Amino acid sequence: MQKRAELPEPRYGQRDWDLFRKIFGVNWNHFEGLNFDEEIKITEFNYENHIPEIFLAQKDVTQSENFKDMIKVMNLLQKTKYE
C-alpha cells in the first residue's frame, strides 16, 4: 500500500494563503495548536440549549424515536468552526 504524499502548507504572502483566507475567512494556521474543539454541538442530552422552548412545549415529542433521529441528523449536519 502506497503512502499518501502530503501537500506542502502555504506560507504567509503566498497566493494559496490568500486564497484560503478569501474562501474560509480565517488564516491557514488559525487552528494551529488546537487539541480539542470547544464548540458544543447538539445532542440528545443538550437539545434544550439549541431548540427554542416554544417548540419543545407544544407536545412531549422529546421521547419519541423520530425526535432522537432528528437530533442525530442535526448533529451530523451542524458544523463547528474547526470542522
Protein backbone atom coordinates (compact mmCIF):
# COMPACT_ATOMS: atom_id res chain seq x y z
CA MET A 1 0.00 0.00 0.00
CA GLN A 2 1.45 3.35 -1.02
CA LYS A 3 1.86 6.12 1.47
CA ARG A 4 -0.10 9.24 0.54
CA ALA A 5 2.08 12.22 -0.27
CA GLU A 6 1.40 15.25 1.91
CA LEU A 7 0.94 18.60 0.27
CA PRO A 8 3.12 21.48 1.43
CA GLU A 9 1.45 24.01 3.70
CA PRO A 10 1.05 27.50 2.28
CA ARG A 11 3.07 30.31 3.83
CA TYR A 12 2.00 33.85 4.61
CA GLY A 13 2.17 36.01 1.50
CA GLN A 14 1.69 33.17 -0.96
CA ARG A 15 -1.24 33.06 -3.34
CA ASP A 16 -2.59 29.88 -1.69
CA TRP A 17 -2.59 31.54 1.75
CA ASP A 18 -4.61 34.48 0.40
CA LEU A 19 -7.00 32.15 -1.43
CA PHE A 20 -7.62 30.11 1.73
CA ARG A 21 -8.34 33.30 3.69
CA LYS A 22 -10.70 34.52 0.97
CA ILE A 23 -12.67 31.25 0.89
CA PHE A 24 -12.83 30.42 4.60
CA GLY A 25 -12.40 33.83 6.25
CA VAL A 26 -9.54 32.72 8.53
CA ASN A 27 -5.81 32.25 8.11
CA TRP A 28 -4.43 28.81 7.25
CA ASN A 29 -2.91 28.46 10.72
CA HIS A 30 -5.95 29.75 12.63
CA PHE A 31 -6.49 26.44 14.47
CA GLU A 32 -2.82 25.57 14.90
CA GLY A 33 -2.23 24.05 18.33
CA LEU A 34 -5.93 23.32 18.93
CA ASN A 35 -6.19 19.92 20.59
CA PHE A 36 -9.87 19.94 21.50
CA ASP A 37 -12.83 21.55 19.73
CA GLU A 38 -14.61 23.50 22.48
CA GLU A 39 -17.65 24.40 20.37
CA ILE A 40 -20.67 22.38 21.54
CA LYS A 41 -22.87 20.58 19.02
CA ILE A 42 -26.46 19.47 19.57
CA THR A 43 -27.00 16.07 21.19
CA GLU A 44 -29.97 14.29 22.74
CA PHE A 45 -28.68 15.44 26.14
CA ASN A 46 -28.41 19.17 25.43
CA TYR A 47 -31.06 19.81 22.75
CA GLU A 48 -32.89 22.31 25.00
CA ASN A 49 -29.91 24.67 24.60
CA HIS A 50 -30.28 24.65 20.80
CA ILE A 51 -34.03 24.42 20.15
CA PRO A 52 -36.33 27.25 21.31
CA GLU A 53 -38.53 26.21 24.23
CA ILE A 54 -41.72 27.20 22.41
CA PHE A 55 -41.20 24.27 20.01
CA LEU A 56 -40.46 21.85 22.82
CA ALA A 57 -43.56 22.91 24.81
CA GLN A 58 -46.04 22.13 22.02
CA LYS A 59 -46.01 18.37 22.59
CA ASP A 60 -43.91 15.99 24.56
CA VAL A 61 -42.20 14.61 21.48
CA THR A 62 -38.74 14.58 23.02
CA GLN A 63 -39.08 10.91 23.98
CA SER A 64 -40.05 9.68 20.51
CA GLU A 65 -37.65 7.86 18.24
CA ASN A 66 -38.32 10.37 15.43
CA PHE A 67 -37.15 13.21 17.66
CA LYS A 68 -33.99 11.35 18.64
CA ASP A 69 -33.27 10.57 15.00
CA MET A 70 -33.80 14.24 14.10
CA ILE A 71 -31.29 15.29 16.79
CA LYS A 72 -28.73 12.83 15.41
CA VAL A 73 -29.15 14.21 11.89
CA MET A 74 -28.87 17.78 13.21
CA ASN A 75 -25.63 16.79 14.95
CA LEU A 76 -24.20 15.42 11.71
CA LEU A 77 -25.23 18.47 9.68
CA GLN A 78 -24.11 21.07 12.25
CA LYS A 79 -20.51 22.09 11.68
CA THR A 80 -18.23 23.83 14.14
CA LYS A 81 -15.70 26.44 13.04
CA TYR A 82 -12.94 23.84 13.43
CA GLU A 83 -14.71 21.29 11.24
